[in-house]
Amino acid sequence: MPKKTWLIFNPVAGQGDVDQDLDVIHRLLCPAFDLHVYLTTPEKDADSLAHAALEDGAELVIASGGDGTLSAVAQVVAGTGIPLGIIPRGTANALAASLGLPQDLQQACQVILDGHVHCIDTARCNSRVMILLAGIGFEAETIKQTSRLSKNRLGILAYVLSGLKQLSGMSNFKVEIETEEQLIHCKAVAVTVANTAPPTSILAQGAAQVCPDDGQLDVTIVAATTLLEAVATGYHLLSTAMRELPTERENIGYLRCRKLRIHTDPVQKVVVDGEVVETTPLEIECMPQSLIILAPQSGQTPEVPEEKLEGLPGLRVQNK
């Protein structure tokens, strides 16, 4: 008997033809699943529909939309043992890229039909479940200033243009990071805590190769005092991430841990999985192997360096 399957579909995500996309999904998935399709609305968002799917006894939940939609559904499904299928249709599609999922609609449906399951980590960020990453400072300000209209018109370029505007007004802030083993003080313009992230999420790429199933959080700390330094730093992070190499710049630090607390002075905005929803302080803890996804078979977990902090401005490290 076909699995009872809920498709949670965001019709305003991305730049594609909604009716055409739905027709393709119906044609490919209906023969294999007992498919129930629900479109998000302002009154019924992805979070509430995901809860409804669980209450209805769904055996498989499929999310289709941008990172906000996918993460909202994943946050609800995590820890339930119910598999999640992903059909990316957003602007950045960072979650799909980080998990090696195809961006093409038909290929994404084929991954779901193939049925290969893969357990990945999630994290708890204050009271929220986090799938991708938490960005403090520069990234949060960039995303806050990027409108839905500009994303629909320009796609990923909208984030680039917003980031360039933020560069002129950026400034370092004081950071205190407490892990299980040490207390770190420094200054930064951005701090990113990643559970998983693609190479294009450059502010998460201090050590590069952020792994979604290693039971660790990847923390990247970026400091910059001038516009030129900020641009050079961004280019360096993108270059090293694409080559899967850790950064060597003095104004970039990184570490890995299971859980941490972060305080900043002054208080900073925080973006979690593409949505500006928090301010500092933050407490984040990895929840290993807590989400089942349908994904292509993965390779071996990469070996990455554990820590590099030397060179960060105002650095003080106290071991516990």
Protein backbone atom coordinates (compact mmCIF):
# COMPACT_ATOMS: atom_id res chain seq x y z
CA MET A 1 0.00 0.00 0.00
CA PRO A 2 1.46 3.43 -0.93
CA LYS A 3 2.77 5.54 1.93
CA LYS A 4 0.55 8.34 3.16
CA THR A 5 2.58 11.35 2.04
CA TRP A 6 2.08 15.04 2.70
CA LEU A 7 3.56 17.54 0.24
CA ILE A 8 3.93 20.99 1.81
CA PHE A 9 4.37 23.39 -1.11
CA ASN A 10 5.23 27.09 -0.89
CA PRO A 11 3.72 28.72 -4.01
CA VAL A 12 5.56 32.04 -3.61
CA ALA A 13 9.06 30.53 -3.37
CA GLY A 14 11.52 30.98 -6.20
CA GLN A 15 10.94 32.20 -9.71
CA GLY A 16 9.40 29.14 -11.39
CA ASP A 17 5.91 28.45 -12.75
CA VAL A 18 3.86 27.17 -9.79
CA ASP A 19 1.25 25.27 -11.81
CA GLN A 20 3.87 23.66 -14.01
CA ASP A 21 5.97 22.64 -11.00
CA LEU A 22 2.95 21.08 -9.29
CA ASP A 23 2.02 19.20 -12.47
CA VAL A 24 5.52 17.69 -12.67
CA ILE A 25 5.47 16.66 -9.01
CA HIS A 26 2.00 15.09 -9.38
CA ARG A 27 3.00 13.18 -12.49
CA LEU A 28 6.16 11.75 -10.95
CA LEU A 29 5.11 11.08 -7.36
CA CYS A 30 1.40 10.18 -7.46
CA PRO A 31 1.97 6.69 -8.93
CA ALA A 32 4.28 5.80 -6.00
CA PHE A 33 2.68 7.58 -3.03
CA ASP A 34 -0.70 8.37 -1.51
CA LEU A 35 0.02 12.05 -2.09
CA HIS A 36 -1.82 14.84 -0.25
CA VAL A 37 -0.84 18.34 -1.44
CA TYR A 38 -1.10 21.41 0.79
CA LEU A 39 -0.05 24.92 -0.22
CA THR A 40 1.27 27.34 2.36
CA THR A 41 -0.70 30.56 2.91
CA PRO A 42 -0.33 33.50 5.32
CA GLU A 43 -2.88 31.74 7.54
CA LYS A 44 -1.37 28.24 7.23
CA ASP A 45 2.42 28.40 7.17
CA ALA A 46 4.85 25.53 6.69
CA ASP A 47 5.24 25.00 10.43
CA SER A 48 1.50 24.55 11.09
CA LEU A 49 1.08 22.31 8.04
CA ALA A 50 3.98 20.10 9.19
CA HIS A 51 2.31 19.67 12.59
CA ALA A 52 -0.95 18.82 10.81
CA ALA A 53 0.87 16.20 8.74
CA LEU A 54 2.10 14.46 11.88
CA GLU A 55 -1.36 14.59 13.45
CA ASP A 56 -2.82 13.08 10.26
CA GLY A 57 -0.46 10.12 10.46
CA ALA A 58 1.76 10.97 7.50
CA GLU A 59 4.43 8.33 6.87
CA LEU A 60 6.49 10.67 4.68
CA VAL A 61 6.60 14.46 4.55
CA ILE A 62 7.88 16.31 1.47
CA ALA A 63 8.73 20.02 1.62
CA SER A 64 8.98 22.15 -1.52
CA GLY A 65 10.09 25.77 -1.38
CA GLY A 66 13.02 27.88 -0.26
CA ASP A 67 15.28 27.41 2.74
CA GLY A 68 12.73 29.00 5.08
CA THR A 69 10.03 26.51 4.09
CA LEU A 70 12.33 23.49 4.10
CA SER A 71 13.80 24.36 7.49
CA ALA A 72 10.39 25.07 9.03
CA VAL A 73 9.15 21.61 8.03
CA ALA A 74 12.41 19.93 9.05
CA GLN A 75 12.24 21.56 12.49
CA VAL A 76 8.88 19.87 13.10
CA VAL A 77 9.79 16.49 11.61
CA ALA A 78 13.16 16.23 13.43
CA GLY A 79 13.15 13.63 16.18
CA THR A 80 9.93 11.92 15.01
CA GLY A 81 11.46 9.15 12.90
CA ILE A 82 9.40 10.25 9.88
CA PRO A 83 11.49 10.75 6.73
CA LEU A 84 11.66 14.13 5.00
CA GLY A 85 11.81 14.56 1.24
CA ILE A 86 13.09 17.83 -0.19
CA ILE A 87 12.20 19.55 -3.47
CA PRO A 88 14.16 22.85 -3.53
CA ARG A 89 12.51 25.78 -5.31
CA GLY A 90 13.92 28.82 -3.50
CA THR A 91 16.42 31.59 -4.10
CA ALA A 92 19.55 30.21 -2.42
CA ASN A 93 18.60 26.55 -1.79
CA ALA A 94 21.44 26.31 0.72
CA LEU A 95 19.99 23.30 2.55
CA ALA A 96 19.64 21.23 -0.61
CA ALA A 97 23.13 22.20 -1.77
CA SER A 98 24.69 21.29 1.58
CA LEU A 99 23.08 17.83 1.46
CA GLY A 100 24.04 17.12 -2.14
CA LEU A 101 20.44 17.26 -3.36
CA PRO A 102 19.76 18.20 -6.98
CA GLN A 103 18.28 21.62 -7.77
CA ASP A 104 16.38 20.28 -10.79
CA LEU A 105 12.74 19.51 -9.98
CA GLN A 106 12.54 16.16 -11.75
CA GLN A 107 15.86 14.99 -10.33
CA ALA A 108 14.75 15.98 -6.81
CA CYS A 109 11.60 13.90 -7.28
CA GLN A 110 13.72 10.97 -8.44
CA VAL A 111 15.76 11.13 -5.22
CA ILE A 112 12.50 10.78 -3.29
CA LEU A 113 11.42 7.86 -5.47
CA ASP A 114 14.79 6.14 -4.96
CA GLY A 115 14.10 6.16 -1.22
CA HIS A 116 17.67 6.25 0.14
CA VAL A 117 17.50 7.44 3.77
CA HIS A 118 20.25 9.37 5.53
CA CYS A 119 20.33 10.51 9.15
CA ILE A 120 21.72 14.00 9.71
CA ASP A 121 22.28 16.19 12.74
CA THR A 122 20.13 19.11 13.79
CA ALA A 123 20.82 21.62 16.55
CA ARG A 124 18.82 23.43 19.20
CA CYS A 125 19.33 27.21 19.07
CA ASN A 126 17.74 28.74 22.17
CA SER A 127 14.16 27.47 21.85
CA ARG A 128 14.32 26.64 18.11
CA VAL A 129 15.44 23.62 16.13
CA MET A 130 18.19 24.67 13.70
CA ILE A 131 18.94 22.76 10.51
CA LEU A 132 21.44 24.95 8.66
CA LEU A 133 23.15 27.71 10.62
CA ALA A 134 22.90 30.71 12.89
CA GLY A 135 24.53 33.90 11.64
CA ILE A 136 25.35 36.73 14.04
CA GLY A 137 26.09 40.27 12.89
CA PHE A 138 26.82 40.91 9.22
CA GLU A 139 24.80 38.02 7.74
CA ALA A 140 21.73 38.80 9.84
CA GLU A 141 21.78 42.45 8.78
CA THR A 142 22.23 41.44 5.13
CA ILE A 143 19.27 39.06 5.13
CA LYS A 144 17.07 41.49 7.04
CA GLN A 145 17.62 44.13 4.35
CA THR A 146 16.89 41.74 1.44
CA SER A 147 13.24 42.06 0.40
CA ARG A 148 11.00 39.35 -1.06
CA LEU A 149 10.56 41.54 -4.17
CA SER A 150 14.30 41.78 -4.79
CA LYS A 151 14.74 38.02 -4.28
CA ASN A 152 11.98 37.31 -6.81
CA ARG A 153 13.50 39.72 -9.33
CA LEU A 154 17.21 39.07 -8.86
CA GLY A 155 17.50 35.65 -7.23
CA ILE A 156 20.76 35.02 -5.35
CA LEU A 157 22.14 38.34 -6.63
CA ALA A 158 19.73 40.10 -4.25
CA TYR A 159 21.74 38.83 -1.27
CA VAL A 160 25.01 39.93 -2.87
CA LEU A 161 23.76 43.48 -3.46
CA SER A 162 22.34 43.71 0.06
CA GLY A 163 25.65 42.50 1.48
CA LEU A 164 27.59 45.13 -0.44
CA LYS A 165 25.33 47.82 1.02
CA GLN A 166 25.96 46.52 4.54
CA LEU A 167 29.75 46.63 4.11
CA SER A 168 29.88 50.42 4.36
CA GLY A 169 28.30 50.46 7.82
CA MET A 170 29.85 47.35 9.36
CA SER A 171 31.79 47.41 12.62
CA ASN A 172 33.40 44.84 14.88
CA PHE A 173 31.63 43.87 18.10
CA LYS A 174 32.86 42.08 21.21
CA VAL A 175 32.23 38.34 21.36
CA GLU A 176 32.34 35.82 24.20
CA ILE A 177 32.10 32.16 23.18
CA GLU A 178 31.88 29.49 25.87
CA THR A 179 32.29 25.84 24.88
CA GLU A 180 32.61 22.73 27.02
CA GLU A 181 36.39 23.18 27.10
CA GLN A 182 37.21 26.90 26.87
CA LEU A 183 36.10 30.51 27.12
CA ILE A 184 37.00 32.69 24.11
CA HIS A 185 36.95 36.49 23.93
CA CYS A 186 37.59 38.38 20.69
CA LYS A 187 36.19 40.97 18.29
CA ALA A 188 34.29 40.12 15.11
CA VAL A 189 32.07 41.48 12.39
CA ALA A 190 30.35 38.11 11.93
CA VAL A 191 30.07 34.84 13.84
CA THR A 192 28.47 31.81 12.19
CA VAL A 193 27.54 28.54 13.88
CA ALA A 194 26.79 25.87 11.27
CA ASN A 195 25.23 22.45 11.52
CA THR A 196 25.52 22.12 7.75
CA ALA A 197 26.25 24.67 5.02
CA PRO A 198 27.19 24.67 1.33
CA PRO A 199 30.40 26.36 0.10
CA THR A 200 28.37 29.38 -1.03
CA SER A 201 27.53 30.14 2.62
CA ILE A 202 30.98 31.69 2.83
CA LEU A 203 30.74 33.04 6.39
CA ALA A 204 30.42 29.43 7.61
CA GLN A 205 33.52 28.20 5.77
CA GLY A 206 36.41 28.79 8.17
CA ALA A 207 37.38 25.12 8.27
CA ALA A 208 35.48 24.30 5.04
CA GLN A 209 33.62 21.03 4.40
CA VAL A 210 30.89 21.55 6.99
CA CYS A 211 29.56 18.04 7.57
CA PRO A 212 25.85 17.41 8.38
CA ASP A 213 26.31 14.15 10.27
CA ASP A 214 29.49 14.44 12.37
CA GLY A 215 27.88 15.39 15.69
CA GLN A 216 29.72 18.74 15.73
CA LEU A 217 28.96 22.43 15.25
CA ASP A 218 31.32 24.42 13.01
CA VAL A 219 31.98 27.95 14.28
CA THR A 220 33.54 30.60 12.02
CA ILE A 221 34.60 34.01 13.37
CA VAL A 222 35.33 36.83 10.92
CA ALA A 223 36.85 40.20 11.81
CA ALA A 224 37.33 43.13 9.43
CA THR A 225 38.11 46.79 10.05
CA THR A 226 38.03 48.21 6.50
CA LEU A 227 35.93 47.76 3.38
CA LEU A 228 38.95 46.44 1.47
CA GLU A 229 39.70 43.87 4.17
CA ALA A 230 36.08 42.73 4.20
CA VAL A 231 36.00 42.22 0.43
CA ALA A 232 39.34 40.38 0.47
CA THR A 233 38.13 38.19 3.33
CA GLY A 234 34.93 37.25 1.51
CA TYR A 235 36.82 36.37 -1.66
CA HIS A 236 39.31 34.27 0.34
CA LEU A 237 36.53 32.33 2.09
CA LEU A 238 34.76 31.60 -1.18
CA SER A 239 38.01 30.51 -2.84
CA THR A 240 39.06 28.17 -0.04
CA ALA A 241 35.55 26.75 0.39
CA MET A 242 35.28 25.86 -3.30
CA ARG A 243 38.60 24.02 -3.00
CA GLU A 244 37.50 22.43 0.32
CA LEU A 245 40.47 23.96 2.15
CA PRO A 246 40.55 25.59 5.61
CA THR A 247 41.26 29.31 5.73
CA GLU A 248 44.67 30.65 6.72
CA ARG A 249 43.85 34.37 7.02
CA GLU A 250 44.67 35.87 10.42
CA ASN A 251 41.36 37.72 10.66
CA ILE A 252 39.35 34.48 10.37
CA GLY A 253 39.11 31.95 13.17
CA TYR A 254 37.24 28.68 13.53
CA LEU A 255 36.55 25.92 16.02
CA ARG A 256 34.34 22.85 16.39
CA CYS A 257 32.29 21.81 19.41
CA ARG A 258 29.13 20.00 20.52
CA LYS A 259 27.54 22.96 22.30
CA LEU A 260 28.29 26.59 23.09
CA ARG A 261 27.01 29.86 24.48
CA ILE A 262 27.57 33.19 22.70
CA HIS A 263 27.29 36.69 24.18
CA THR A 264 27.98 39.90 22.25
CA ASP A 265 28.45 43.55 23.13
CA PRO A 266 26.43 45.24 21.83
CA VAL A 267 23.49 42.86 21.27
CA GLN A 268 23.41 41.56 17.67
CA LYS A 269 20.64 40.35 15.39
CA VAL A 270 20.70 36.63 14.59
CA VAL A 271 19.53 34.83 11.45
CA VAL A 272 18.59 31.16 11.91
CA ASP A 273 18.09 29.09 8.76
CA GLY A 274 17.56 32.14 6.59
CA GLU A 275 15.13 34.00 8.89
CA VAL A 276 16.00 36.86 11.27
CA VAL A 277 14.33 35.54 14.42
CA GLU A 278 16.64 36.06 17.39
CA THR A 279 19.11 38.39 19.07
CA THR A 280 22.11 37.45 21.15
CA PRO A 281 22.81 35.80 23.56
CA LEU A 282 22.56 32.32 22.04
CA GLU A 283 22.87 28.79 23.38
CA ILE A 284 23.29 26.13 20.69
CA GLU A 285 23.67 22.37 21.05
CA CYS A 286 24.09 19.72 18.36
CA MET A 287 21.49 16.92 18.30
CA PRO A 288 23.23 14.09 16.44
CA GLN A 289 21.42 11.91 13.88
CA SER A 290 18.04 13.46 14.71
CA LEU A 291 16.58 14.01 11.22
CA ILE A 292 15.92 11.37 8.56
CA ILE A 293 16.05 12.70 5.00
CA LEU A 294 15.75 11.17 1.57
CA ALA A 295 19.04 11.93 -0.15
CA PRO A 296 21.60 10.46 -2.54
CA GLN A 297 24.04 8.06 -0.94
CA SER A 298 26.83 10.08 0.68
CA GLY A 299 30.58 9.56 0.82
CA GLN A 300 32.92 9.46 3.78
CA THR A 301 32.98 12.16 6.44
CA PRO A 302 35.84 14.57 5.58
CA GLU A 303 38.72 15.18 7.96
CA VAL A 304 38.87 18.84 8.96
CA PRO A 305 41.09 20.77 11.39
CA GLU A 306 39.57 21.36 14.81
CA GLU A 307 40.58 24.93 15.60
CA LYS A 308 42.36 28.11 14.48
CA LEU A 309 41.97 31.27 16.54
CA GLU A 310 45.35 33.02 16.38
CA GLY A 311 45.23 36.45 14.77
CA LEU A 312 41.71 37.46 15.79
CA PRO A 313 41.64 40.98 17.31
CA GLY A 314 41.35 41.15 21.10
CA LEU A 315 41.78 37.38 21.41
CA ARG A 316 41.84 35.86 24.91
CA VAL A 317 41.38 32.12 25.48
CA GLN A 318 40.83 30.54 28.88
CA ASN A 319 40.84 26.75 29.19
CA LYS A 320 38.40 25.24 31.67
